[in-house]
């Protein structure tokens, strides 16, 4: 199963500045656990680099990703450009 999601990261702006990017990564993982119904989420380095692109404080407001669910239940996430 393959799907494209636009994940809103605006809730990350409510946390302290020094933990925004790590919180955004956790939020992406939680979003995909909920929507793809799997506990095994593998985030590609391109997604990580996009979130950390402007540092720990300035997280993008949203991110567009492609999630592919394998037959064994694992989900791999890549950035859509």
Protein backbone atom coordinates (compact mmCIF):
# COMPACT_ATOMS: atom_id res chain seq x y z
CA UNK A 1 0.00 0.00 0.00
CA UNK A 2 1.39 3.40 -0.97
CA UNK A 3 0.02 6.78 0.10
CA UNK A 4 1.07 10.42 0.01
CA UNK A 5 0.41 12.51 3.11
CA UNK A 6 0.82 16.19 3.95
CA UNK A 7 1.69 16.15 7.64
CA UNK A 8 0.93 19.39 9.51
CA UNK A 9 3.72 20.39 11.90
CA UNK A 10 2.16 23.60 13.22
CA UNK A 11 1.61 22.08 16.68
CA UNK A 12 5.39 21.90 17.09
CA UNK A 13 5.49 25.70 17.39
CA UNK A 14 3.84 25.40 20.82
CA UNK A 15 6.80 23.59 22.40
CA UNK A 16 10.02 25.28 23.59
CA UNK A 17 12.39 26.34 20.80
CA UNK A 18 15.17 23.98 21.78
CA UNK A 19 13.14 20.79 21.23
CA UNK A 20 11.11 21.61 18.11
CA UNK A 21 12.88 19.46 15.52
CA UNK A 22 13.04 16.32 17.70
CA UNK A 23 9.36 16.84 18.53
CA UNK A 24 8.56 17.16 14.80
CA UNK A 25 10.23 13.80 14.09
CA UNK A 26 8.19 12.19 16.87
CA UNK A 27 5.02 13.84 15.51
CA UNK A 28 5.68 12.41 12.00
CA UNK A 29 6.15 8.96 13.52
CA UNK A 30 2.91 9.24 15.56
CA UNK A 31 0.95 10.50 12.53
CA UNK A 32 2.07 7.56 10.42
CA UNK A 33 1.40 5.04 13.21
CA UNK A 34 -2.16 6.31 13.36
CA UNK A 35 -2.84 6.51 9.62
CA UNK A 36 -0.91 3.48 8.36
CA UNK A 37 -1.78 1.28 11.39
CA UNK A 38 1.72 -0.02 11.99
CA UNK A 39 4.25 0.28 14.81
CA UNK A 40 7.34 -0.25 12.63
CA UNK A 41 8.01 3.16 11.00
CA UNK A 42 11.29 3.76 9.12
CA UNK A 43 11.91 7.43 8.36
CA UNK A 44 14.28 8.16 5.48
CA UNK A 45 17.17 10.58 5.95
CA UNK A 46 15.64 12.98 3.39
CA UNK A 47 12.67 13.58 5.72
CA UNK A 48 15.01 14.10 8.66
CA UNK A 49 17.17 16.54 6.70
CA UNK A 50 14.12 18.50 5.53
CA UNK A 51 12.91 18.98 9.12
CA UNK A 52 16.40 19.89 10.39
CA UNK A 53 17.18 22.05 7.31
CA UNK A 54 16.82 25.40 9.13
CA UNK A 55 17.99 24.20 12.53
CA UNK A 56 16.36 23.04 15.71
CA UNK A 57 14.10 26.09 16.13
CA UNK A 58 12.62 26.76 12.67
CA UNK A 59 10.59 23.72 11.68
CA UNK A 60 8.61 23.82 8.40
CA UNK A 61 4.84 24.29 8.92
CA UNK A 62 4.03 21.13 6.93
CA UNK A 63 5.83 18.34 5.11
CA UNK A 64 4.76 16.13 2.19
CA UNK A 65 5.81 12.48 2.48
CA UNK A 66 5.19 9.19 0.69
CA UNK A 67 4.51 6.21 2.95
CA UNK A 68 4.85 2.65 1.62
CA UNK A 69 3.59 -0.24 3.72
CA UNK A 70 5.38 -3.52 3.05
CA UNK A 71 3.82 -6.96 3.34
CA UNK A 72 5.52 -7.61 6.68
CA UNK A 73 3.81 -4.51 8.16
CA UNK A 74 6.76 -2.14 8.19
CA UNK A 75 6.29 1.37 6.78
CA UNK A 76 9.05 3.27 4.97
CA UNK A 77 8.69 7.03 4.65
CA UNK A 78 10.38 9.21 2.01
CA UNK A 79 10.14 12.86 1.07
CA UNK A 80 8.02 13.91 -1.94
CA UNK A 81 9.45 16.65 -4.13
